[in-house]
Amino acid sequence: MENTQKVIDAMKKAGEPLKAGQIAELTGLDKKEVDKAMKTLKTEELIVSPKRCFWEPK
């Protein structure tokens, strides 16, 4: 599974806005990989930030 899909799945499963570090813990990915995946998701406008440093699926 691609890292971006793992990140988005973890966000949907959590049901609340998460920080990159929390997503890294949930997915088992390295934080740098999570940051890279989140950057892609932000560019594709698939995630939004309801408050600073927290992200959730659109």
PDB file of N, CA and C in Angstrom:
ATOM      1  N   MET A   1       0.849  -1.195   0.000  1.00  0.00           N
ATOM      2  CA  MET A   1       0.000   0.000   0.000  1.00  0.00           C
ATOM      3  C   MET A   1       0.884   1.244   0.000  1.00  0.00           C
ATOM      4  N   GLU A   2       0.473   2.212  -0.752  1.00  0.00           N
ATOM      5  CA  GLU A   2       1.227   3.453  -0.838  1.00  0.00           C
ATOM      6  C   GLU A   2       1.106   4.237   0.478  1.00  0.00           C
ATOM      7  N   ASN A   3       2.166   4.960   0.821  1.00  0.00           N
ATOM      8  CA  ASN A   3       2.186   5.706   2.085  1.00  0.00           C
ATOM      9  C   ASN A   3       1.054   6.721   2.178  1.00  0.00           C
ATOM     10  N   THR A   4       0.741   7.392   1.068  1.00  0.00           N
ATOM     11  CA  THR A   4      -0.343   8.387   1.125  1.00  0.00           C
ATOM     12  C   THR A   4      -1.663   7.715   1.496  1.00  0.00           C
ATOM     13  N   GLN A   5      -1.886   6.507   0.989  1.00  0.00           N
ATOM     14  CA  GLN A   5      -3.125   5.788   1.310  1.00  0.00           C
ATOM     15  C   GLN A   5      -3.135   5.370   2.778  1.00  0.00           C
ATOM     16  N   LYS A   6      -1.973   4.937   3.302  1.00  0.00           N
ATOM     17  CA  LYS A   6      -1.879   4.570   4.718  1.00  0.00           C
ATOM     18  C   LYS A   6      -2.208   5.771   5.598  1.00  0.00           C
ATOM     19  N   VAL A   7      -1.692   6.939   5.212  1.00  0.00           N
ATOM     20  CA  VAL A   7      -1.916   8.165   5.994  1.00  0.00           C
ATOM     21  C   VAL A   7      -3.392   8.533   5.987  1.00  0.00           C
ATOM     22  N   ILE A   8      -3.998   8.549   4.819  1.00  0.00           N
ATOM     23  CA  ILE A   8      -5.408   8.941   4.732  1.00  0.00           C
ATOM     24  C   ILE A   8      -6.298   7.931   5.460  1.00  0.00           C
ATOM     25  N   ASP A   9      -5.974   6.644   5.373  1.00  0.00           N
ATOM     26  CA  ASP A   9      -6.744   5.620   6.082  1.00  0.00           C
ATOM     27  C   ASP A   9      -6.655   5.805   7.595  1.00  0.00           C
ATOM     28  N   ALA A  10      -5.455   6.114   8.091  1.00  0.00           N
ATOM     29  CA  ALA A  10      -5.270   6.337   9.529  1.00  0.00           C
ATOM     30  C   ALA A  10      -6.077   7.541  10.000  1.00  0.00           C
ATOM     31  N   MET A  11      -6.110   8.594   9.172  1.00  0.00           N
ATOM     32  CA  MET A  11      -6.875   9.795   9.526  1.00  0.00           C
ATOM     33  C   MET A  11      -8.367   9.493   9.589  1.00  0.00           C
ATOM     34  N   LYS A  12      -8.860   8.754   8.600  1.00  0.00           N
ATOM     35  CA  LYS A  12     -10.289   8.417   8.574  1.00  0.00           C
ATOM     36  C   LYS A  12     -10.655   7.535   9.762  1.00  0.00           C
ATOM     37  N   LYS A  13      -9.800   6.575  10.077  1.00  0.00           N
ATOM     38  CA  LYS A  13     -10.057   5.649  11.178  1.00  0.00           C
ATOM     39  C   LYS A  13     -10.076   6.369  12.527  1.00  0.00           C
ATOM     40  N   ALA A  14      -9.189   7.356  12.696  1.00  0.00           N
ATOM     41  CA  ALA A  14      -9.104   8.090  13.964  1.00  0.00           C
ATOM     42  C   ALA A  14     -10.372   8.910  14.216  1.00  0.00           C
ATOM     43  N   GLY A  15     -10.952   9.474  13.156  1.00  0.00           N
ATOM     44  CA  GLY A  15     -12.181  10.242  13.305  1.00  0.00           C
ATOM     45  C   GLY A  15     -11.995  11.591  13.963  1.00  0.00           C
ATOM     46  N   GLU A  16     -10.748  12.036  14.072  1.00  0.00           N
ATOM     47  CA  GLU A  16     -10.461  13.359  14.637  1.00  0.00           C
ATOM     48  C   GLU A  16      -9.184  13.895  13.994  1.00  0.00           C
ATOM     49  N   PRO A  17      -8.979  15.218  14.040  1.00  0.00           N
ATOM     50  CA  PRO A  17      -7.757  15.782  13.465  1.00  0.00           C
ATOM     51  C   PRO A  17      -6.514  15.256  14.188  1.00  0.00           C
ATOM     52  N   LEU A  18      -5.469  14.962  13.423  1.00  0.00           N
ATOM     53  CA  LEU A  18      -4.242  14.396  13.977  1.00  0.00           C
ATOM     54  C   LEU A  18      -3.017  15.196  13.575  1.00  0.00           C
ATOM     55  N   LYS A  19      -1.976  15.107  14.408  1.00  0.00           N
ATOM     56  CA  LYS A  19      -0.671  15.670  14.074  1.00  0.00           C
ATOM     57  C   LYS A  19       0.121  14.621  13.302  1.00  0.00           C
ATOM     58  N   ALA A  20       1.131  15.054  12.573  1.00  0.00           N
ATOM     59  CA  ALA A  20       1.968  14.136  11.787  1.00  0.00           C
ATOM     60  C   ALA A  20       2.590  13.058  12.673  1.00  0.00           C
ATOM     61  N   GLY A  21       3.015  13.412  13.870  1.00  0.00           N
ATOM     62  CA  GLY A  21       3.621  12.447  14.786  1.00  0.00           C
ATOM     63  C   GLY A  21       2.644  11.355  15.200  1.00  0.00           C
ATOM     64  N   GLN A  22       1.386  11.742  15.412  1.00  0.00           N
ATOM     65  CA  GLN A  22       0.356  10.763  15.771  1.00  0.00           C
ATOM     66  C   GLN A  22       0.098   9.811  14.602  1.00  0.00           C
ATOM     67  N   ILE A  23       0.082  10.354  13.398  1.00  0.00           N
ATOM     68  CA  ILE A  23      -0.138   9.535  12.208  1.00  0.00           C
ATOM     69  C   ILE A  23       1.022   8.553  12.034  1.00  0.00           C
ATOM     70  N   ALA A  24       2.239   9.015  12.296  1.00  0.00           N
ATOM     71  CA  ALA A  24       3.411   8.141  12.200  1.00  0.00           C
ATOM     72  C   ALA A  24       3.274   6.963  13.171  1.00  0.00           C
ATOM     73  N   GLU A  25       2.811   7.238  14.384  1.00  0.00           N
ATOM     74  CA  GLU A  25       2.620   6.173  15.377  1.00  0.00           C
ATOM     75  C   GLU A  25       1.546   5.176  14.927  1.00  0.00           C
ATOM     76  N   LEU A  26       0.446   5.692  14.401  1.00  0.00           N
ATOM     77  CA  LEU A  26      -0.667   4.830  13.984  1.00  0.00           C
ATOM     78  C   LEU A  26      -0.308   3.948  12.784  1.00  0.00           C
ATOM     79  N   THR A  27       0.462   4.500  11.854  1.00  0.00           N
ATOM     80  CA  THR A  27       0.767   3.779  10.619  1.00  0.00           C
ATOM     81  C   THR A  27       2.037   2.952  10.709  1.00  0.00           C
ATOM     82  N   GLY A  28       2.916   3.294  11.660  1.00  0.00           N
ATOM     83  CA  GLY A  28       4.195   2.603  11.749  1.00  0.00           C
ATOM     84  C   GLY A  28       5.217   3.133  10.764  1.00  0.00           C
ATOM     85  N   LEU A  29       4.864   4.224  10.080  1.00  0.00           N
ATOM     86  CA  LEU A  29       5.787   4.845   9.122  1.00  0.00           C
ATOM     87  C   LEU A  29       6.724   5.809   9.838  1.00  0.00           C
ATOM     88  N   ASP A  30       7.847   6.099   9.198  1.00  0.00           N
ATOM     89  CA  ASP A  30       8.765   7.111   9.701  1.00  0.00           C
ATOM     90  C   ASP A  30       8.099   8.478   9.542  1.00  0.00           C
ATOM     91  N   LYS A  31       8.345   9.400  10.481  1.00  0.00           N
ATOM     92  CA  LYS A  31       7.696  10.720  10.415  1.00  0.00           C
ATOM     93  C   LYS A  31       8.024  11.443   9.113  1.00  0.00           C
ATOM     94  N   LYS A  32       9.244  11.267   8.603  1.00  0.00           N
ATOM     95  CA  LYS A  32       9.610  11.920   7.341  1.00  0.00           C
ATOM     96  C   LYS A  32       8.750  11.403   6.192  1.00  0.00           C
ATOM     97  N   GLU A  33       8.446  10.107   6.212  1.00  0.00           N
ATOM     98  CA  GLU A  33       7.580   9.523   5.181  1.00  0.00           C
ATOM     99  C   GLU A  33       6.157  10.058   5.307  1.00  0.00           C
ATOM    100  N   VAL A  34       5.707  10.224   6.536  1.00  0.00           N
ATOM    101  CA  VAL A  34       4.368  10.788   6.774  1.00  0.00           C
ATOM    102  C   VAL A  34       4.320  12.221   6.265  1.00  0.00           C
ATOM    103  N   ASP A  35       5.343  13.015   6.563  1.00  0.00           N
ATOM    104  CA  ASP A  35       5.398  14.402   6.096  1.00  0.00           C
ATOM    105  C   ASP A  35       5.346  14.470   4.571  1.00  0.00           C
ATOM    106  N   LYS A  36       6.085  13.589   3.930  1.00  0.00           N
ATOM    107  CA  LYS A  36       6.117  13.551   2.462  1.00  0.00           C
ATOM    108  C   LYS A  36       4.731  13.195   1.914  1.00  0.00           C
ATOM    109  N   ALA A  37       4.100  12.189   2.510  1.00  0.00           N
ATOM    110  CA  ALA A  37       2.762  11.776   2.075  1.00  0.00           C
ATOM    111  C   ALA A  37       1.750  12.893   2.299  1.00  0.00           C
ATOM    112  N   MET A  38       1.858  13.571   3.434  1.00  0.00           N
ATOM    113  CA  MET A  38       0.927  14.658   3.745  1.00  0.00           C
ATOM    114  C   MET A  38       1.097  15.823   2.780  1.00  0.00           C
ATOM    115  N   LYS A  39       2.328  16.079   2.372  1.00  0.00           N
ATOM    116  CA  LYS A  39       2.578  17.148   1.406  1.00  0.00           C
ATOM    117  C   LYS A  39       1.844  16.848   0.102  1.00  0.00           C
ATOM    118  N   THR A  40       1.896  15.600  -0.333  1.00  0.00           N
ATOM    119  CA  THR A  40       1.181  15.180  -1.539  1.00  0.00           C
ATOM    120  C   THR A  40      -0.325  15.332  -1.357  1.00  0.00           C
ATOM    121  N   LEU A  41      -0.827  14.890  -0.206  1.00  0.00           N
ATOM    122  CA  LEU A  41      -2.260  14.987   0.074  1.00  0.00           C
ATOM    123  C   LEU A  41      -2.735  16.436   0.143  1.00  0.00           C
ATOM    124  N   LYS A  42      -1.896  17.326   0.680  1.00  0.00           N
ATOM    125  CA  LYS A  42      -2.241  18.755   0.733  1.00  0.00           C
ATOM    126  C   LYS A  42      -2.324  19.319  -0.678  1.00  0.00           C
ATOM    127  N   THR A  43      -1.343  18.964  -1.522  1.00  0.00           N
ATOM    128  CA  THR A  43      -1.308  19.442  -2.903  1.00  0.00           C
ATOM    129  C   THR A  43      -2.553  18.985  -3.659  1.00  0.00           C
ATOM    130  N   GLU A  44      -2.974  17.752  -3.417  1.00  0.00           N
ATOM    131  CA  GLU A  44      -4.165  17.196  -4.080  1.00  0.00           C
ATOM    132  C   GLU A  44      -5.453  17.623  -3.388  1.00  0.00           C
ATOM    133  N   GLU A  45      -5.325  18.424  -2.321  1.00  0.00           N
ATOM    134  CA  GLU A  45      -6.458  18.944  -1.547  1.00  0.00           C
ATOM    135  C   GLU A  45      -7.350  17.836  -0.988  1.00  0.00           C
ATOM    136  N   LEU A  46      -6.719  16.743  -0.536  1.00  0.00           N
ATOM    137  CA  LEU A  46      -7.459  15.633   0.062  1.00  0.00           C
ATOM    138  C   LEU A  46      -7.522  15.723   1.586  1.00  0.00           C
ATOM    139  N   ILE A  47      -6.674  16.579   2.171  1.00  0.00           N
ATOM    140  CA  ILE A  47      -6.714  16.802   3.618  1.00  0.00           C
ATOM    141  C   ILE A  47      -6.775  18.301   3.892  1.00  0.00           C
ATOM    142  N   VAL A  48      -7.341  18.655   5.028  1.00  0.00           N
ATOM    143  CA  VAL A  48      -7.462  20.056   5.447  1.00  0.00           C
ATOM    144  C   VAL A  48      -7.004  20.186   6.889  1.00  0.00           C
ATOM    145  N   SER A  49      -6.674  21.402   7.257  1.00  0.00           N
ATOM    146  CA  SER A  49      -6.218  21.667   8.617  1.00  0.00           C
ATOM    147  C   SER A  49      -7.260  22.507   9.357  1.00  0.00           C
ATOM    148  N   PRO A  50      -8.015  21.883  10.270  1.00  0.00           N
ATOM    149  CA  PRO A  50      -9.023  22.635  11.029  1.00  0.00           C
ATOM    150  C   PRO A  50      -8.395  23.554  12.078  1.00  0.00           C
ATOM    151  N   LYS A  51      -7.180  23.206  12.521  1.00  0.00           N
ATOM    152  CA  LYS A  51      -6.425  24.065  13.433  1.00  0.00           C
ATOM    153  C   LYS A  51      -4.944  23.796  13.216  1.00  0.00           C
ATOM    154  N   ARG A  52      -4.135  24.702  13.636  1.00  0.00           N
ATOM    155  CA  ARG A  52      -2.697  24.646  13.366  1.00  0.00           C
ATOM    156  C   ARG A  52      -2.092  23.299  13.756  1.00  0.00           C
ATOM    157  N   CYS A  53      -1.354  22.709  12.802  1.00  0.00           N
ATOM    158  CA  CYS A  53      -0.605  21.460  12.985  1.00  0.00           C
ATOM    159  C   CYS A  53      -1.473  20.200  13.065  1.00  0.00           C
ATOM    160  N   PHE A  54      -2.767  20.334  12.943  1.00  0.00           N
ATOM    161  CA  PHE A  54      -3.660  19.182  12.958  1.00  0.00           C
ATOM    162  C   PHE A  54      -4.290  19.028  11.580  1.00  0.00           C
ATOM    163  N   TRP A  55      -4.438  17.778  11.136  1.00  0.00           N
ATOM    164  CA  TRP A  55      -4.961  17.515   9.802  1.00  0.00           C
ATOM    165  C   TRP A  55      -6.044  16.460   9.842  1.00  0.00           C
ATOM    166  N   GLU A  56      -6.973  16.558   8.878  1.00  0.00           N
ATOM    167  CA  GLU A  56      -8.038  15.574   8.754  1.00  0.00           C
ATOM    168  C   GLU A  56      -8.417  15.457   7.279  1.00  0.00           C
ATOM    169  N   PRO A  57      -9.034  14.329   6.903  1.00  0.00           N
ATOM    170  CA  PRO A  57      -9.467  14.181   5.503  1.00  0.00           C
ATOM    171  C   PRO A  57     -10.546  15.187   5.150  1.00  0.00           C
ATOM    172  N   LYS A  58     -10.592  15.595   3.917  1.00  0.00           N
ATOM    173  CA  LYS A  58     -11.572  16.567   3.468  1.00  0.00           C
ATOM    174  C   LYS A  58     -12.947  15.948   3.390  1.00  0.00           C
TER     175      LYS A  58
END
